[in-house]
Each structure stands twice: as C-alpha cells, then as structure tokens.
Protein backbone atom coordinates (compact mmCIF):
# COMPACT_ATOMS: atom_id res chain seq x y z
CA MET A 1 110.06 103.91 69.81
CA SER A 2 113.75 104.36 69.45
CA ILE A 3 116.49 104.78 66.91
CA MET A 4 119.91 103.24 67.60
CA PHE A 5 123.12 104.36 65.97
CA ARG A 6 126.41 102.59 65.67
CA ARG A 7 129.59 104.17 64.36
CA LEU A 8 132.48 102.27 62.76
CA LEU A 9 135.76 103.83 61.78
CA PRO A 10 137.77 101.51 59.49
CA PRO A 11 139.32 102.87 56.28
CA ARG A 12 137.22 103.24 53.13
CA SER A 13 133.80 102.33 54.51
CA ILE A 14 132.52 103.37 57.91
CA ALA A 15 129.67 103.58 60.35
CA ALA A 16 126.37 101.97 61.02
CA LEU A 17 123.15 103.20 62.48
CA MET A 18 120.61 100.96 64.12
CA LEU A 19 117.01 102.11 64.39
CA ILE A 20 114.59 100.99 67.03
CA ALA A 21 111.23 102.73 66.98
CA ALA A 22 107.97 103.15 68.29
CA GLY A 23 110.67 120.33 54.09
CA SER A 24 113.01 121.75 56.34
CA PRO A 25 114.78 125.11 56.16
CA ALA A 26 118.32 125.43 54.85
CA ALA A 27 120.49 122.65 56.23
CA PHE A 28 123.55 124.33 57.62
CA GLY A 29 126.84 122.66 58.50
CA TRP A 30 130.58 123.12 58.74
CA SER A 31 133.13 122.40 56.02
CA LEU A 32 136.74 122.69 57.22
CA SER A 33 140.03 122.35 55.38
CA ILE A 34 142.38 119.80 56.96
CA ASN A 35 145.97 118.77 56.33
CA GLN A 36 147.00 116.42 53.56
CA ALA A 37 147.77 112.89 54.74
CA SER A 38 148.02 109.35 53.49
CA ARG A 39 144.71 108.43 51.93
CA ARG A 40 142.07 107.82 54.60
CA VAL A 41 138.43 108.43 55.41
CA TYR A 42 136.82 109.05 58.79
CA LEU A 43 133.23 109.05 60.03
CA HIS A 44 131.48 109.33 63.36
CA VAL A 45 127.78 109.14 64.24
CA GLY A 46 127.05 110.40 67.76
CA ASN A 47 129.69 109.65 70.40
CA GLY A 48 133.00 108.90 68.78
CA ALA A 49 136.77 109.03 68.86
CA PRO A 50 138.61 112.20 67.75
CA ALA A 51 139.39 112.44 64.07
CA GLY A 52 143.12 112.03 64.74
CA ASN A 53 142.66 108.74 66.59
CA HIS A 54 143.13 106.44 63.62
CA SER A 55 143.36 103.30 65.77
CA ALA A 56 139.69 103.59 66.78
CA THR A 57 137.42 101.26 64.80
CA SER A 58 134.12 101.29 66.67
CA GLY A 59 132.29 102.90 69.54
CA PRO A 60 129.11 102.93 71.61
CA ILE A 61 125.68 102.57 70.07
CA ASN A 62 123.72 105.77 70.60
CA VAL A 63 119.96 105.49 70.98
CA VAL A 64 117.42 107.96 69.60
CA ARG A 65 113.85 107.25 70.61
CA VAL A 66 110.31 108.47 70.96
CA THR A 67 107.32 107.17 72.87
CA VAL A 68 104.06 108.41 71.38
CA PRO A 69 101.41 109.18 74.04
CA ALA A 70 98.36 106.94 73.69
CA ASN A 71 96.07 109.89 72.98
CA GLN A 72 98.32 111.09 70.13
CA VAL A 73 99.03 107.84 68.27
CA GLY A 74 98.53 108.32 64.54
CA ASN A 75 97.21 111.89 64.76
CA GLY A 76 99.66 113.16 62.16
CA VAL A 77 101.60 115.37 64.57
CA PRO A 78 105.34 114.62 64.14
CA GLN A 79 107.09 113.48 67.30
CA ALA A 80 110.59 114.70 68.15
CA MET A 81 113.00 111.91 69.06
CA THR A 82 115.41 112.14 71.97
CA SER A 83 119.00 110.91 72.04
CA ASN A 84 121.34 109.40 74.61
CA SER A 85 124.35 110.89 72.83
CA THR A 86 126.59 113.13 74.92
CA GLN A 87 128.71 114.35 72.00
CA SER A 88 128.18 118.11 71.83
CA THR A 89 131.60 119.29 70.61
CA SER A 90 133.31 118.70 67.28
CA LEU A 91 135.64 115.70 67.06
CA GLN A 92 137.86 117.49 64.56
CA GLY A 93 140.06 118.86 67.34
CA ASP A 94 138.87 122.39 68.06
CA ASN A 95 136.11 121.37 70.51
CA TYR A 96 133.62 123.66 68.76
CA LEU A 97 130.09 123.39 70.21
CA THR A 98 128.34 121.94 67.14
CA CYS A 99 125.50 120.15 68.99
CA PRO A 100 124.44 122.31 71.95
CA THR A 101 121.72 119.86 73.06
CA PRO A 102 122.89 116.29 72.34
CA SER A 103 119.91 114.93 74.28
CA SER A 104 117.85 115.75 71.19
CA GLN A 105 120.55 115.82 68.51
CA LEU A 106 123.19 113.59 66.94
CA LEU A 107 126.54 114.91 65.75
CA ILE A 108 127.60 113.46 62.39
CA GLY A 109 130.99 114.25 60.88
CA ALA A 110 133.14 112.83 58.10
CA SER A 111 136.45 113.58 56.42
CA TYR A 112 138.58 112.53 53.48
CA GLN A 113 142.35 113.03 53.36
CA ARG A 114 144.90 112.29 50.67
CA ASN A 115 148.28 113.44 49.44
CA ASN A 116 148.31 115.44 46.23
CA ASN A 117 149.28 112.45 44.11
CA GLY A 118 146.38 111.87 41.74
CA ALA A 119 144.24 109.89 44.16
CA PRO A 120 140.44 110.37 43.82
CA ALA A 121 139.53 114.00 44.36
CA SER A 122 136.64 113.27 46.70
CA ALA A 123 134.85 110.73 48.86
CA THR A 124 131.11 110.09 49.18
CA LEU A 125 128.88 109.98 52.24
CA ARG A 126 125.75 107.84 51.91
CA VAL A 127 123.08 106.33 54.15
CA SER A 128 121.23 103.06 53.49
CA SER A 129 118.01 101.95 55.17
CA PRO A 130 115.59 98.99 54.98
CA PRO A 131 111.99 99.47 53.81
CA SER A 132 110.44 99.17 57.27
CA LEU A 133 110.89 99.05 61.00
CA VAL A 134 109.50 95.79 62.40
CA ASN A 135 108.24 94.75 65.84
CA ALA A 136 108.35 91.33 67.52
CA THR A 137 105.03 90.20 65.99
CA GLY A 138 105.93 91.27 62.45
CA ASP A 139 104.02 94.56 62.33
CA THR A 140 105.82 97.24 60.33
CA ILE A 141 106.27 100.98 60.12
CA PRO A 142 107.58 102.40 56.82
CA ILE A 143 111.09 103.72 57.30
CA SER A 144 109.92 106.89 55.53
CA GLU A 145 108.15 107.80 58.79
CA ILE A 146 111.60 108.77 60.11
CA SER A 147 113.16 112.03 58.91
CA TRP A 148 115.83 114.40 60.11
CA THR A 149 116.64 118.09 60.15
CA VAL A 150 120.14 119.49 60.52
CA ALA A 151 121.80 122.50 62.08
CA ALA A 152 125.24 123.90 62.90
CA PRO A 153 125.24 126.95 65.19
CA GLY A 154 127.29 129.79 63.76
CA SER A 155 127.51 128.40 60.24
CA GLY A 156 126.01 130.02 57.18
CA LEU A 157 126.98 127.21 54.78
CA PRO A 158 123.88 125.37 53.50
CA ASN A 159 123.52 121.69 52.64
CA ILE A 160 126.86 120.44 53.93
CA ILE A 161 125.05 117.28 54.99
CA PRO A 162 121.41 117.90 54.06
CA ALA A 163 118.18 117.16 55.88
CA GLY A 164 116.11 114.29 54.55
CA THR A 165 113.88 111.27 55.03
CA PHE A 166 114.93 107.63 55.00
CA ASN A 167 113.66 106.00 51.79
CA GLY A 168 114.30 102.29 52.19
CA GLY A 169 117.35 102.30 49.94
CA SER A 170 120.74 103.90 49.46
CA GLN A 171 120.74 107.71 49.61
CA PHE A 172 123.49 110.08 48.60
CA LEU A 173 124.17 112.63 51.35
CA ALA A 174 127.32 114.57 50.47
CA THR A 175 130.51 114.75 48.47
CA ILE A 176 133.61 115.25 50.63
CA PRO A 177 136.40 117.05 48.76
CA ALA A 178 139.99 115.96 49.39
CA ASN A 179 141.43 117.20 52.68
CA THR A 180 138.08 118.35 54.01
CA TYR A 181 136.07 117.60 57.14
CA ILE A 182 132.30 118.14 57.20
CA GLU A 183 129.87 117.97 60.10
CA ASN A 184 126.49 119.06 61.40
CA CYS A 185 123.92 118.15 63.99
CA HIS A 186 120.92 115.92 63.14
CA SER A 187 117.54 115.97 64.88
CA PHE A 188 115.21 113.03 64.12
CA ARG A 189 111.42 112.98 63.93
CA TYR A 190 108.76 110.29 63.67
CA ALA A 191 105.92 111.32 61.34
CA ASN A 192 103.20 109.56 63.39
CA SER A 193 100.96 109.52 60.33
CA ALA A 194 98.92 106.39 61.13
CA VAL A 195 97.81 104.20 64.03
CA ARG A 196 100.31 101.37 64.59
CA GLY A 197 100.17 98.24 66.72
CA ALA A 198 101.81 98.46 70.13
CA GLY A 199 105.43 97.37 70.36
CA THR A 200 109.04 98.29 69.75
CA TYR A 201 109.85 98.58 66.07
CA THR A 202 113.42 98.05 64.90
CA ALA A 203 115.58 98.41 61.81
CA ARG A 204 119.21 99.01 60.93
CA VAL A 205 120.45 101.99 58.94
CA THR A 206 124.04 102.20 57.71
CA TYR A 207 126.13 105.29 57.02
CA THR A 208 129.23 104.84 54.84
CA VAL A 209 132.07 106.95 53.55
CA THR A 210 133.77 105.54 50.48
CA SER A 211 136.62 106.58 48.23
CA PRO A 212 137.00 104.45 45.07
C-alpha cells in the first residue's frame, strides 16, 4: 500500500496529497517569526521549493507506502509507512534538520505573510480526505485506517501542526498567525485492523492554506 503526496504553491489555497495504499504523545513543531510582506500564503508537503521562491507552483509527488506481510494482514498491529521524500531540512531558509529520516517521514510547512494594514490576522491550514481508499475491483479501506504522528527535533512547542487520523472530511489542523512559518515532520501509519482483499488501494487527500 502507498500514500502519494502532491504539493501546490499558488496564493491563497495550496497543496494536494494523493494516497495510494495497501493517541500520540505531544505533537511538537516549529513556529518561526518571518518578515512582513505583501499578503501571501505558502505550503509544502514533502519535497518542495524554498519559501522565498514565490514563482514555484507545484512539485514532485512524494509517495508514502506500506506492504503488509501476508502473515500479518489484519492482525491489528499498525504498520509504519515509508516515504520516497528526500526533504530533511527546513525550506524556510535556515536549512535546519527538521526531518532527520525522510525515508520514513514527510516534512510539512506553511506560512502566512501580510503587511500591517488590517488584512486578516491569520490563515488556516486544513486537510481534506475521502471516506475510503479504493482498489481496482472496488474494494475499500476506510481512510480512518491512516493516521500520522509528528515530531520536530529540538522543539519544545506542542501542537504546532498536531497528530491525527484522516476522517473522510475536512479537518482543521492549525491557525497560522500573520508573519509566521510553521513546520514539523509527519510519520504515517496504517492501522491494519481487518483483513482486506489484495490490491493497491488509492485515494486523494488535499492540504490547503487559506486566508479569507
């Protein structure tokens, strides 16, 4: 099973994640103050362009996947998902090592900038998912079988972008104050709670940053 991510970087609403498949501790992350600028939002999921590269609008699709061994299918033991992302350092410009092991993690970061002119005080980061992952013959896996934990080495700030479980709808993740960049490193897991038919199960999940 795999999970695929796409990132988009246009103003106001950004980034998509594509999934293909087969209670966590405090969710730490970084929250950094950045310079005022003309109103803009920025988001990356996995490999991406630096935050200052405002001409970038899209990038590679990163794949996160798991193959459940035949003798473990549906035994209730969660399966860690691997990633083909190579993005280990922050895209904010300081090259901080936020994701030490991108082969099992995905770096997610977002920012909101504005001049101090009465524009909205914050932006919102959300993720939307379909009810199920589906294979070629129409078999399904509930999207709630996929969850994530988060980390940010060296940070003591909890719940910058929290851990969670996809719920088949639109989920609030974080408020981004004006002139702030947030990021942390996501590790995905497949719950493996029931026996499923063989195949590759797919779905699309979309991350967005919006400022009204």
